[in-house]
Protein backbone atom coordinates (compact mmCIF):
# COMPACT_ATOMS: atom_id res chain seq x y z
CA MET A 1 -34.18 81.86 -4.55
CA LYS A 2 -34.80 85.40 -4.01
CA ARG A 3 -38.50 85.31 -3.49
CA ARG A 4 -37.81 82.26 -0.81
CA LEU A 5 -35.33 84.84 0.89
CA CYS A 6 -37.41 87.64 0.54
CA GLY A 7 -40.51 85.25 1.97
CA CYS A 8 -37.96 84.17 5.16
CA ALA A 9 -37.35 88.00 5.59
CA LEU A 10 -40.99 88.75 5.56
CA GLY A 11 -41.53 85.98 8.21
CA ALA A 12 -38.86 87.14 10.22
CA LEU A 13 -40.41 90.66 10.46
CA MET A 14 -43.87 89.36 11.34
CA ALA A 15 -42.47 86.94 14.09
CA GLY A 16 -40.35 89.60 15.81
CA ILE A 17 -36.77 89.61 15.36
CA ALA A 18 -34.68 89.00 18.46
CA PRO A 19 -31.82 91.74 19.26
CA ALA A 20 -28.34 90.33 17.88
CA HIS A 21 -26.79 90.31 21.00
CA ALA A 22 -28.93 87.21 22.46
CA GLU A 23 -26.41 84.27 22.99
CA ARG A 24 -28.84 81.60 21.28
CA GLY A 25 -30.60 82.37 18.78
CA TYR A 26 -33.24 80.25 16.28
CA ALA A 27 -33.82 80.48 13.01
CA THR A 28 -37.24 81.56 11.87
CA ASP A 29 -40.28 79.78 11.65
CA ALA A 30 -41.12 80.80 8.23
CA CYS A 31 -38.80 78.99 5.83
CA THR A 32 -35.28 77.50 5.43
CA VAL A 33 -32.39 79.86 5.88
CA PRO A 34 -28.86 79.95 4.31
CA VAL A 35 -25.55 79.82 6.14
CA GLN A 36 -23.05 81.51 4.22
CA SER A 37 -19.17 81.23 4.52
CA GLY A 38 -19.04 85.14 4.89
CA PRO A 39 -21.00 88.17 6.32
CA ALA A 40 -22.03 89.33 2.67
CA PRO A 41 -24.49 88.41 0.08
CA GLY A 42 -21.85 87.11 -2.21
CA TYR A 43 -20.48 84.49 -0.21
CA LYS A 44 -21.17 80.93 -0.63
CA ILE A 45 -23.80 79.10 0.99
CA VAL A 46 -22.49 76.32 3.03
CA ARG A 47 -25.85 74.80 4.36
CA MET A 48 -29.27 75.22 4.67
CA ILE A 49 -31.07 75.00 8.13
CA GLY A 50 -34.81 74.36 8.63
CA SER A 51 -36.87 76.78 10.61
CA GLY A 52 -36.52 76.64 14.23
CA THR A 53 -33.30 75.23 14.37
CA ALA A 54 -31.03 76.14 17.51
CA LEU A 55 -27.85 77.87 16.70
CA GLU A 56 -25.25 78.83 18.69
CA ILE A 57 -23.97 82.58 18.38
CA LEU A 58 -20.33 82.88 17.96
CA GLU A 59 -20.00 86.40 16.82
CA PRO A 60 -22.83 89.17 17.22
CA ASN A 61 -24.46 91.28 14.41
CA THR A 62 -21.70 92.62 11.92
CA LYS A 63 -23.28 94.70 9.18
CA GLY A 64 -26.44 92.63 9.22
CA TYR A 65 -25.01 89.39 9.65
CA THR A 66 -24.06 87.06 12.96
CA LYS A 67 -22.01 84.26 12.71
CA VAL A 68 -23.28 80.69 14.19
CA ARG A 69 -22.63 77.28 14.33
CA THR A 70 -25.38 74.70 13.75
CA PRO A 71 -26.03 71.65 15.76
CA GLU A 72 -23.83 69.59 13.34
CA GLY A 73 -21.07 71.86 13.81
CA THR A 74 -20.91 73.77 10.66
CA ALA A 75 -19.91 77.32 11.29
CA GLY A 76 -21.16 80.15 9.00
CA TRP A 77 -22.83 83.52 8.58
CA ILE A 78 -26.61 84.21 8.78
CA MET A 79 -28.60 87.32 8.27
CA SER A 80 -29.18 88.62 11.83
CA GLU A 81 -32.81 89.46 10.65
CA TYR A 82 -33.47 85.38 10.29
CA LEU A 83 -32.78 84.99 14.04
CA MET A 84 -35.11 84.67 17.09
CA GLU A 85 -34.89 84.88 20.53
CA GLN A 86 -37.28 81.80 21.17
CA PRO A 87 -37.95 78.97 19.37
CA SER A 88 -40.28 78.79 16.55
CA ALA A 89 -43.67 78.98 17.53
CA ARG A 90 -44.10 75.70 15.73
CA ASN A 91 -41.96 74.18 18.10
CA ARG A 92 -43.26 75.89 20.95
CA VAL A 93 -46.65 74.54 19.86
CA SER A 94 -44.99 70.90 19.81
CA GLN A 95 -43.52 71.19 23.17
CA LEU A 96 -46.74 72.64 24.68
CA GLU A 97 -48.85 69.73 23.41
CA THR A 98 -46.52 67.18 24.62
CA ARG A 99 -46.66 68.81 27.82
CA ILE A 100 -50.33 69.18 27.79
CA THR A 101 -50.42 65.39 27.05
CA THR A 102 -47.84 64.61 29.81
CA LEU A 103 -50.00 66.85 32.26
CA GLU A 104 -53.22 64.97 31.17
CA ASN A 105 -51.51 61.29 31.81
CA GLU A 106 -50.67 62.81 35.19
CA ASN A 107 -53.95 64.03 35.77
CA ARG A 108 -55.57 60.74 34.89
CA THR A 109 -53.17 59.03 37.19
CA LEU A 110 -53.71 61.24 40.06
CA ARG A 111 -57.69 61.01 39.52
CA GLY A 112 -56.99 57.03 39.70
CA GLU A 113 -55.05 57.57 42.62
CA THR A 114 -57.57 59.93 44.35
CA GLU A 115 -60.43 57.63 43.81
CA THR A 116 -58.39 54.74 44.89
CA LEU A 117 -57.61 56.69 47.94
CA HIS A 118 -61.47 57.39 48.48
CA THR A 119 -62.21 53.80 48.24
CA PHE A 120 -59.26 53.09 50.89
CA ARG A 121 -60.90 55.60 53.02
CA ASP A 122 -64.64 54.33 52.65
CA THR A 123 -63.40 51.03 53.55
CA ALA A 124 -61.40 52.36 56.39
CA ASN A 125 -64.71 53.83 57.61
CA ARG A 126 -66.93 50.55 57.24
CA CYS A 127 -64.04 48.89 59.01
CA GLY A 128 -64.26 51.56 62.08
CA GLU A 129 -67.64 51.26 62.12
CA GLU A 130 -67.80 47.36 62.04
CA LEU A 131 -65.03 47.72 64.83
CA ALA A 132 -67.06 49.81 66.82
CA THR A 133 -70.09 47.53 66.62
CA VAL A 134 -67.75 44.27 67.72
CA LYS A 135 -66.59 46.71 70.56
CA ARG A 136 -70.26 47.14 71.56
CA THR A 137 -71.03 43.53 70.94
CA ALA A 138 -68.08 42.45 73.09
CA ALA A 139 -68.91 44.87 75.98
CA GLN A 140 -72.28 43.44 76.08
CA THR A 141 -71.15 39.98 75.97
CA LEU A 142 -68.87 40.62 78.87
CA GLU A 143 -71.56 42.03 80.87
CA ILE A 144 -73.71 39.19 79.85
CA ASP A 145 -71.02 36.78 81.22
CA GLU A 146 -70.64 38.67 84.27
CA GLU A 147 -74.20 38.65 84.82
CA ASN A 148 -74.28 34.95 84.38
CA ARG A 149 -71.40 34.50 86.68
CA ARG A 150 -73.29 36.44 89.29
CA LEU A 151 -76.29 34.60 88.85
CA GLN A 152 -74.51 31.16 89.21
CA GLN A 153 -72.44 32.53 92.12
CA GLU A 154 -76.36 33.18 93.69
CA ILE A 155 -77.70 29.89 92.44
CA GLU A 156 -74.67 28.19 94.23
CA ALA A 157 -75.24 30.18 97.42
CA SER A 158 -79.00 29.04 97.21
CA HIS A 159 -77.97 25.55 97.23
CA THR A 160 -75.75 25.77 99.78
CA ARG A 161 -78.43 27.37 102.00
CA GLN A 162 -80.97 24.69 100.86
CA GLN A 163 -78.66 22.19 101.86
CA GLN A 164 -78.02 23.68 105.14
CA LEU A 165 -81.84 23.99 105.81
CA GLU A 166 -82.44 20.54 104.78
CA THR A 167 -79.66 19.27 107.18
CA GLU A 168 -81.18 21.51 109.96
CA ASN A 169 -84.68 20.23 109.07
CA SER A 170 -83.57 16.50 109.41
CA THR A 171 -81.82 17.42 112.62
CA LEU A 172 -85.13 18.94 113.97
CA ARG A 173 -87.29 16.00 112.84
CA ASP A 174 -84.99 13.57 114.52
CA GLN A 175 -85.01 15.49 117.69
CA SER A 176 -88.71 15.69 117.61
CA ARG A 177 -88.92 12.04 116.88
CA ARG A 178 -86.69 11.34 120.16
CA ASN A 179 -88.87 13.58 121.96
CA TRP A 180 -91.84 12.11 121.12
CA PHE A 181 -90.50 8.77 122.00
CA LEU A 182 -89.28 9.52 124.99
CA ALA A 183 -92.50 11.27 125.99
CA GLY A 184 -94.38 8.24 125.14
CA ALA A 185 -91.98 6.02 127.00
CA GLY A 186 -92.32 8.24 129.82
CA ALA A 187 -96.05 8.13 129.55
CA MET A 188 -95.93 4.31 129.78
CA PHE A 189 -93.63 4.26 132.21
CA GLY A 190 -95.79 6.64 134.42
CA GLY A 191 -98.82 4.61 133.61
CA LEU A 192 -97.21 1.41 134.50
CA LEU A 193 -96.01 3.03 137.97
CA LEU A 194 -99.58 4.25 138.56
CA GLY A 195 -100.80 0.70 137.71
CA LEU A 196 -98.54 -0.52 140.42
CA ILE A 197 -98.85 2.09 142.93
CA ILE A 198 -102.62 2.68 142.68
CA PRO A 199 -103.79 -0.82 143.72
CA ARG A 200 -101.52 -0.90 146.63
CA LEU A 201 -102.81 2.51 147.90
CA SER A 202 -106.20 1.39 147.61
CA PHE A 203 -105.27 -2.03 149.35
CA GLY A 204 -103.70 -0.14 152.19
CA ARG A 205 -106.51 2.36 152.70
CA ARG A 206 -109.03 -0.88 152.84
CA ARG A 207 -106.89 -2.55 155.47
CA ARG A 208 -106.77 0.76 157.41
CA TRP A 209 -110.43 0.86 157.40
CA ASP A 210 -110.75 -2.81 158.14
CA GLN A 211 -109.02 -2.07 161.29
CA PHE A 212 -111.22 0.57 162.38
């Protein structure tokens, strides 16, 4: 027992002893520590606590002893040299390892979310490029449609003009036929008149010549 206490004391000195006025102390990381019923070596040990146990300090240092309460509610005295200001290195390492594990998990999660965001960004960029292509194609299609409508209007106007010209040509042909008919009829009528008049003129002249 004396060797264990000596080892505990040596471990406490090596770990750095906290001042006795701390509001919360921790059992040294080197061994188990006895909690006594009084502040002196001769008092009965009421409990043995493990290293790193959080203790509530009830009374500060009294001749090398501090009154504490264990997590189970046991009150007693412990040698002040067995108290530290911080949790034991073992507990701190465990807490740090837990924290590191948590951070690594968060890091993996964030990396996954970052990769997902990159994928979404790439998809959005591709969609933007496709949308721009669709817009350009739509604009070209509208231009083609507009050009087709303009050409269709020109074709319809050409057809209308063609029909007008055909109507005018037909009218002119009819007029030309009538004119030629009238001219032919006039020539025929004139020929008939001449055929009737000329013989009479010739006959009259012969009679006049006969009278002389």
